[in-house]
Amino acid sequence: MKSLGYLGAFLGGALAGAVVGLLVAPEKGADTREKISDAVEDFMKKHNIKLSRKEVSDLVDDLEEAQE
């Protein structure tokens, strides 16, 4: 059970790293937000996590605000 926690932490860190990488990329904000949203959606589908589009959008917004 402990290894599942480590795996979750690793995946969360990888996702956060990807988001930070996209945020510092020299692209338009709308393009970056779309890429982040798509990446989160793909991750959730791969790991069978159910969240609404609104919840994903809120998560992306929270991550962007944390970066500022």
PDB file of N, CA and C in Angstrom:
ATOM      1  N   MET A   1       0.818  -1.182   0.000  1.00  0.00           N
ATOM      2  CA  MET A   1       0.000   0.000   0.000  1.00  0.00           C
ATOM      3  C   MET A   1       0.871   1.259   0.000  1.00  0.00           C
ATOM      4  N   LYS A   2       2.005   1.186   0.695  1.00  0.00           N
ATOM      5  CA  LYS A   2       2.898   2.329   0.761  1.00  0.00           C
ATOM      6  C   LYS A   2       3.476   2.652  -0.615  1.00  0.00           C
ATOM      7  N   SER A   3       3.741   1.625  -1.417  1.00  0.00           N
ATOM      8  CA  SER A   3       4.301   1.866  -2.742  1.00  0.00           C
ATOM      9  C   SER A   3       3.300   2.591  -3.636  1.00  0.00           C
ATOM     10  N   LEU A   4       2.010   2.386  -3.422  1.00  0.00           N
ATOM     11  CA  LEU A   4       1.000   3.099  -4.202  1.00  0.00           C
ATOM     12  C   LEU A   4       1.077   4.595  -3.895  1.00  0.00           C
ATOM     13  N   GLY A   5       1.343   4.953  -2.641  1.00  0.00           N
ATOM     14  CA  GLY A   5       1.509   6.355  -2.269  1.00  0.00           C
ATOM     15  C   GLY A   5       2.716   6.977  -2.948  1.00  0.00           C
ATOM     16  N   TYR A   6       3.808   6.226  -3.010  1.00  0.00           N
ATOM     17  CA  TYR A   6       4.999   6.719  -3.688  1.00  0.00           C
ATOM     18  C   TYR A   6       4.745   6.885  -5.181  1.00  0.00           C
ATOM     19  N   LEU A   7       4.015   5.935  -5.763  1.00  0.00           N
ATOM     20  CA  LEU A   7       3.697   6.012  -7.185  1.00  0.00           C
ATOM     21  C   LEU A   7       2.825   7.228  -7.462  1.00  0.00           C
ATOM     22  N   GLY A   8       1.830   7.457  -6.606  1.00  0.00           N
ATOM     23  CA  GLY A   8       0.967   8.625  -6.766  1.00  0.00           C
ATOM     24  C   GLY A   8       1.748   9.920  -6.639  1.00  0.00           C
ATOM     25  N   ALA A   9       2.659   9.966  -5.678  1.00  0.00           N
ATOM     26  CA  ALA A   9       3.493  11.155  -5.492  1.00  0.00           C
ATOM     27  C   ALA A   9       4.391  11.376  -6.704  1.00  0.00           C
ATOM     28  N   PHE A  10       4.953  10.297  -7.225  1.00  0.00           N
ATOM     29  CA  PHE A  10       5.806  10.406  -8.404  1.00  0.00           C
ATOM     30  C   PHE A  10       5.012  10.924  -9.602  1.00  0.00           C
ATOM     31  N   LEU A  11       3.828  10.347  -9.832  1.00  0.00           N
ATOM     32  CA  LEU A  11       3.012  10.771 -10.964  1.00  0.00           C
ATOM     33  C   LEU A  11       2.548  12.214 -10.791  1.00  0.00           C
ATOM     34  N   GLY A  12       2.186  12.585  -9.575  1.00  0.00           N
ATOM     35  CA  GLY A  12       1.789  13.969  -9.319  1.00  0.00           C
ATOM     36  C   GLY A  12       2.937  14.926  -9.571  1.00  0.00           C
ATOM     37  N   GLY A  13       4.129  14.551  -9.151  1.00  0.00           N
ATOM     38  CA  GLY A  13       5.304  15.383  -9.391  1.00  0.00           C
ATOM     39  C   GLY A  13       5.635  15.503 -10.870  1.00  0.00           C
ATOM     40  N   ALA A  14       5.483  14.402 -11.576  1.00  0.00           N
ATOM     41  CA  ALA A  14       5.735  14.423 -13.021  1.00  0.00           C
ATOM     42  C   ALA A  14       4.736  15.334 -13.722  1.00  0.00           C
ATOM     43  N   LEU A  15       3.486  15.244 -13.311  1.00  0.00           N
ATOM     44  CA  LEU A  15       2.456  16.094 -13.901  1.00  0.00           C
ATOM     45  C   LEU A  15       2.728  17.559 -13.584  1.00  0.00           C
ATOM     46  N   ALA A  16       3.084  17.853 -12.344  1.00  0.00           N
ATOM     47  CA  ALA A  16       3.390  19.231 -11.956  1.00  0.00           C
ATOM     48  C   ALA A  16       4.596  19.752 -12.746  1.00  0.00           C
ATOM     49  N   GLY A  17       5.595  18.912 -12.935  1.00  0.00           N
ATOM     50  CA  GLY A  17       6.762  19.309 -13.722  1.00  0.00           C
ATOM     51  C   GLY A  17       6.405  19.621 -15.167  1.00  0.00           C
ATOM     52  N   ALA A  18       5.528  18.823 -15.729  1.00  0.00           N
ATOM     53  CA  ALA A  18       5.085  19.059 -17.106  1.00  0.00           C
ATOM     54  C   ALA A  18       4.331  20.384 -17.202  1.00  0.00           C
ATOM     55  N   VAL A  19       3.497  20.651 -16.212  1.00  0.00           N
ATOM     56  CA  VAL A  19       2.730  21.897 -16.204  1.00  0.00           C
ATOM     57  C   VAL A  19       3.665  23.094 -16.099  1.00  0.00           C
ATOM     58  N   VAL A  20       4.633  23.020 -15.218  1.00  0.00           N
ATOM     59  CA  VAL A  20       5.596  24.125 -15.065  1.00  0.00           C
ATOM     60  C   VAL A  20       6.372  24.313 -16.361  1.00  0.00           C
ATOM     61  N   GLY A  21       6.763  23.222 -16.987  1.00  0.00           N
ATOM     62  CA  GLY A  21       7.477  23.307 -18.260  1.00  0.00           C
ATOM     63  C   GLY A  21       6.657  23.996 -19.334  1.00  0.00           C
ATOM     64  N   LEU A  22       5.375  23.696 -19.364  1.00  0.00           N
ATOM     65  CA  LEU A  22       4.508  24.345 -20.343  1.00  0.00           C
ATOM     66  C   LEU A  22       4.296  25.819 -20.012  1.00  0.00           C
ATOM     67  N   LEU A  23       4.210  26.124 -18.722  1.00  0.00           N
ATOM     68  CA  LEU A  23       3.971  27.513 -18.325  1.00  0.00           C
ATOM     69  C   LEU A  23       5.138  28.427 -18.663  1.00  0.00           C
ATOM     70  N   VAL A  24       6.343  27.918 -18.649  1.00  0.00           N
ATOM     71  CA  VAL A  24       7.498  28.766 -18.947  1.00  0.00           C
ATOM     72  C   VAL A  24       7.860  28.742 -20.434  1.00  0.00           C
ATOM     73  N   ALA A  25       7.148  27.963 -21.214  1.00  0.00           N
ATOM     74  CA  ALA A  25       7.399  27.913 -22.656  1.00  0.00           C
ATOM     75  C   ALA A  25       6.921  29.217 -23.300  1.00  0.00           C
ATOM     76  N   PRO A  26       7.625  29.693 -24.308  1.00  0.00           N
ATOM     77  CA  PRO A  26       7.269  30.969 -24.940  1.00  0.00           C
ATOM     78  C   PRO A  26       6.122  30.818 -25.950  1.00  0.00           C
ATOM     79  N   GLU A  27       4.924  30.586 -25.447  1.00  0.00           N
ATOM     80  CA  GLU A  27       3.751  30.456 -26.310  1.00  0.00           C
ATOM     81  C   GLU A  27       2.640  31.351 -25.772  1.00  0.00           C
ATOM     82  N   LYS A  28       1.589  31.518 -26.573  1.00  0.00           N
ATOM     83  CA  LYS A  28       0.438  32.280 -26.128  1.00  0.00           C
ATOM     84  C   LYS A  28      -0.206  31.578 -24.939  1.00  0.00           C
ATOM     85  N   GLY A  29      -0.753  32.358 -24.033  1.00  0.00           N
ATOM     86  CA  GLY A  29      -1.398  31.806 -22.846  1.00  0.00           C
ATOM     87  C   GLY A  29      -2.522  30.837 -23.176  1.00  0.00           C
ATOM     88  N   ALA A  30      -3.341  31.169 -24.174  1.00  0.00           N
ATOM     89  CA  ALA A  30      -4.462  30.306 -24.541  1.00  0.00           C
ATOM     90  C   ALA A  30      -3.949  28.948 -25.040  1.00  0.00           C
ATOM     91  N   ASP A  31      -2.882  28.966 -25.828  1.00  0.00           N
ATOM     92  CA  ASP A  31      -2.309  27.715 -26.327  1.00  0.00           C
ATOM     93  C   ASP A  31      -1.750  26.880 -25.182  1.00  0.00           C
ATOM     94  N   THR A  32      -1.091  27.541 -24.249  1.00  0.00           N
ATOM     95  CA  THR A  32      -0.518  26.842 -23.100  1.00  0.00           C
ATOM     96  C   THR A  32      -1.607  26.233 -22.241  1.00  0.00           C
ATOM     97  N   ARG A  33      -2.669  27.000 -21.966  1.00  0.00           N
ATOM     98  CA  ARG A  33      -3.776  26.473 -21.156  1.00  0.00           C
ATOM     99  C   ARG A  33      -4.422  25.275 -21.828  1.00  0.00           C
ATOM    100  N   GLU A  34      -4.564  25.328 -23.135  1.00  0.00           N
ATOM    101  CA  GLU A  34      -5.157  24.207 -23.862  1.00  0.00           C
ATOM    102  C   GLU A  34      -4.267  22.965 -23.773  1.00  0.00           C
ATOM    103  N   LYS A  35      -2.956  23.154 -23.893  1.00  0.00           N
ATOM    104  CA  LYS A  35      -2.028  22.028 -23.781  1.00  0.00           C
ATOM    105  C   LYS A  35      -2.090  21.407 -22.385  1.00  0.00           C
ATOM    106  N   ILE A  36      -2.122  22.264 -21.359  1.00  0.00           N
ATOM    107  CA  ILE A  36      -2.200  21.759 -19.984  1.00  0.00           C
ATOM    108  C   ILE A  36      -3.494  20.993 -19.780  1.00  0.00           C
ATOM    109  N   SER A  37      -4.580  21.556 -20.237  1.00  0.00           N
ATOM    110  CA  SER A  37      -5.883  20.913 -20.087  1.00  0.00           C
ATOM    111  C   SER A  37      -5.908  19.566 -20.796  1.00  0.00           C
ATOM    112  N   ASP A  38      -5.371  19.515 -22.003  1.00  0.00           N
ATOM    113  CA  ASP A  38      -5.325  18.255 -22.749  1.00  0.00           C
ATOM    114  C   ASP A  38      -4.442  17.220 -22.058  1.00  0.00           C
ATOM    115  N   ALA A  39      -3.301  17.669 -21.522  1.00  0.00           N
ATOM    116  CA  ALA A  39      -2.399  16.747 -20.832  1.00  0.00           C
ATOM    117  C   ALA A  39      -3.061  16.164 -19.584  1.00  0.00           C
ATOM    118  N   VAL A  40      -3.753  17.022 -18.837  1.00  0.00           N
ATOM    119  CA  VAL A  40      -4.441  16.547 -17.633  1.00  0.00           C
ATOM    120  C   VAL A  40      -5.551  15.572 -18.015  1.00  0.00           C
ATOM    121  N   GLU A  41      -6.293  15.900 -19.055  1.00  0.00           N
ATOM    122  CA  GLU A  41      -7.380  15.028 -19.502  1.00  0.00           C
ATOM    123  C   GLU A  41      -6.835  13.660 -19.951  1.00  0.00           C
ATOM    124  N   ASP A  42      -5.740  13.657 -20.705  1.00  0.00           N
ATOM    125  CA  ASP A  42      -5.133  12.392 -21.141  1.00  0.00           C
ATOM    126  C   ASP A  42      -4.650  11.572 -19.944  1.00  0.00           C
ATOM    127  N   PHE A  43      -4.021  12.234 -18.976  1.00  0.00           N
ATOM    128  CA  PHE A  43      -3.551  11.556 -17.770  1.00  0.00           C
ATOM    129  C   PHE A  43      -4.716  10.918 -17.028  1.00  0.00           C
ATOM    130  N   MET A  44      -5.812  11.660 -16.909  1.00  0.00           N
ATOM    131  CA  MET A  44      -6.980  11.154 -16.176  1.00  0.00           C
ATOM    132  C   MET A  44      -7.612   9.967 -16.895  1.00  0.00           C
ATOM    133  N   LYS A  45      -7.679  10.026 -18.210  1.00  0.00           N
ATOM    134  CA  LYS A  45      -8.222   8.888 -18.958  1.00  0.00           C
ATOM    135  C   LYS A  45      -7.334   7.656 -18.779  1.00  0.00           C
ATOM    136  N   LYS A  46      -6.034   7.852 -18.846  1.00  0.00           N
ATOM    137  CA  LYS A  46      -5.087   6.751 -18.723  1.00  0.00           C
ATOM    138  C   LYS A  46      -5.199   6.072 -17.367  1.00  0.00           C
ATOM    139  N   HIS A  47      -5.460   6.857 -16.311  1.00  0.00           N
ATOM    140  CA  HIS A  47      -5.513   6.322 -14.950  1.00  0.00           C
ATOM    141  C   HIS A  47      -6.942   6.180 -14.424  1.00  0.00           C
ATOM    142  N   ASN A  48      -7.916   6.303 -15.336  1.00  0.00           N
ATOM    143  CA  ASN A  48      -9.328   6.092 -15.020  1.00  0.00           C
ATOM    144  C   ASN A  48      -9.792   6.970 -13.844  1.00  0.00           C
ATOM    145  N   ILE A  49      -9.449   8.249 -13.897  1.00  0.00           N
ATOM    146  CA  ILE A  49      -9.862   9.219 -12.886  1.00  0.00           C
ATOM    147  C   ILE A  49     -11.019  10.014 -13.467  1.00  0.00           C
ATOM    148  N   LYS A  50     -12.105  10.095 -12.724  1.00  0.00           N
ATOM    149  CA  LYS A  50     -13.300  10.776 -13.209  1.00  0.00           C
ATOM    150  C   LYS A  50     -13.417  12.172 -12.591  1.00  0.00           C
ATOM    151  N   LEU A  51     -13.250  13.195 -13.399  1.00  0.00           N
ATOM    152  CA  LEU A  51     -13.478  14.583 -13.002  1.00  0.00           C
ATOM    153  C   LEU A  51     -14.203  15.273 -14.152  1.00  0.00           C
ATOM    154  N   SER A  52     -15.028  16.244 -13.821  1.00  0.00           N
ATOM    155  CA  SER A  52     -15.721  16.992 -14.867  1.00  0.00           C
ATOM    156  C   SER A  52     -14.757  17.953 -15.556  1.00  0.00           C
ATOM    157  N   ARG A  53     -15.130  18.422 -16.706  1.00  0.00           N
ATOM    158  CA  ARG A  53     -14.310  19.381 -17.446  1.00  0.00           C
ATOM    159  C   ARG A  53     -14.094  20.641 -16.602  1.00  0.00           C
ATOM    160  N   LYS A  54     -15.123  21.048 -15.863  1.00  0.00           N
ATOM    161  CA  LYS A  54     -15.042  22.228 -14.987  1.00  0.00           C
ATOM    162  C   LYS A  54     -14.010  22.002 -13.886  1.00  0.00           C
ATOM    163  N   GLU A  55     -14.019  20.815 -13.277  1.00  0.00           N
ATOM    164  CA  GLU A  55     -13.052  20.517 -12.222  1.00  0.00           C
ATOM    165  C   GLU A  55     -11.628  20.520 -12.769  1.00  0.00           C
ATOM    166  N   VAL A  56     -11.448  20.013 -13.975  1.00  0.00           N
ATOM    167  CA  VAL A  56     -10.124  20.023 -14.603  1.00  0.00           C
ATOM    168  C   VAL A  56      -9.701  21.467 -14.885  1.00  0.00           C
ATOM    169  N   SER A  57     -10.632  22.261 -15.385  1.00  0.00           N
ATOM    170  CA  SER A  57     -10.341  23.662 -15.667  1.00  0.00           C
ATOM    171  C   SER A  57      -9.952  24.397 -14.387  1.00  0.00           C
ATOM    172  N   ASP A  58     -10.662  24.123 -13.300  1.00  0.00           N
ATOM    173  CA  ASP A  58     -10.330  24.738 -12.013  1.00  0.00           C
ATOM    174  C   ASP A  58      -8.938  24.320 -11.546  1.00  0.00           C
ATOM    175  N   LEU A  59      -8.602  23.041 -11.749  1.00  0.00           N
ATOM    176  CA  LEU A  59      -7.278  22.552 -11.378  1.00  0.00           C
ATOM    177  C   LEU A  59      -6.191  23.278 -12.169  1.00  0.00           C
ATOM    178  N   VAL A  60      -6.401  23.427 -13.461  1.00  0.00           N
ATOM    179  CA  VAL A  60      -5.434  24.131 -14.307  1.00  0.00           C
ATOM    180  C   VAL A  60      -5.290  25.577 -13.844  1.00  0.00           C
ATOM    181  N   ASP A  61      -6.405  26.228 -13.550  1.00  0.00           N
ATOM    182  CA  ASP A  61      -6.346  27.609 -13.067  1.00  0.00           C
ATOM    183  C   ASP A  61      -5.575  27.709 -11.756  1.00  0.00           C
ATOM    184  N   ASP A  62      -5.824  26.766 -10.844  1.00  0.00           N
ATOM    185  CA  ASP A  62      -5.115  26.762  -9.562  1.00  0.00           C
ATOM    186  C   ASP A  62      -3.616  26.591  -9.766  1.00  0.00           C
ATOM    187  N   LEU A  63      -3.241  25.715 -10.681  1.00  0.00           N
ATOM    188  CA  LEU A  63      -1.811  25.503 -10.956  1.00  0.00           C
ATOM    189  C   LEU A  63      -1.174  26.749 -11.552  1.00  0.00           C
ATOM    190  N   GLU A  64      -1.918  27.430 -12.422  1.00  0.00           N
ATOM    191  CA  GLU A  64      -1.390  28.659 -13.016  1.00  0.00           C
ATOM    192  C   GLU A  64      -1.207  29.741 -11.952  1.00  0.00           C
ATOM    193  N   GLU A  65      -2.184  29.874 -11.053  1.00  0.00           N
ATOM    194  CA  GLU A  65      -2.094  30.879 -10.002  1.00  0.00           C
ATOM    195  C   GLU A  65      -0.940  30.578  -9.046  1.00  0.00           C
ATOM    196  N   ALA A  66      -0.712  29.311  -8.775  1.00  0.00           N
ATOM    197  CA  ALA A  66       0.380  28.924  -7.886  1.00  0.00           C
ATOM    198  C   ALA A  66       1.732  29.278  -8.494  1.00  0.00           C
ATOM    199  N   GLN A  67       1.808  29.290  -9.811  1.00  0.00           N
ATOM    200  CA  GLN A  67       3.054  29.590 -10.511  1.00  0.00           C
ATOM    201  C   GLN A  67       3.361  31.070 -10.500  1.00  0.00           C
ATOM    202  N   GLU A  68       2.348  31.932 -10.363  1.00  0.00           N
ATOM    203  CA  GLU A  68       2.550  33.384 -10.446  1.00  0.00           C
ATOM    204  C   GLU A  68       3.250  33.957  -9.266  1.00  0.00           C
TER     205      GLU A  68
END
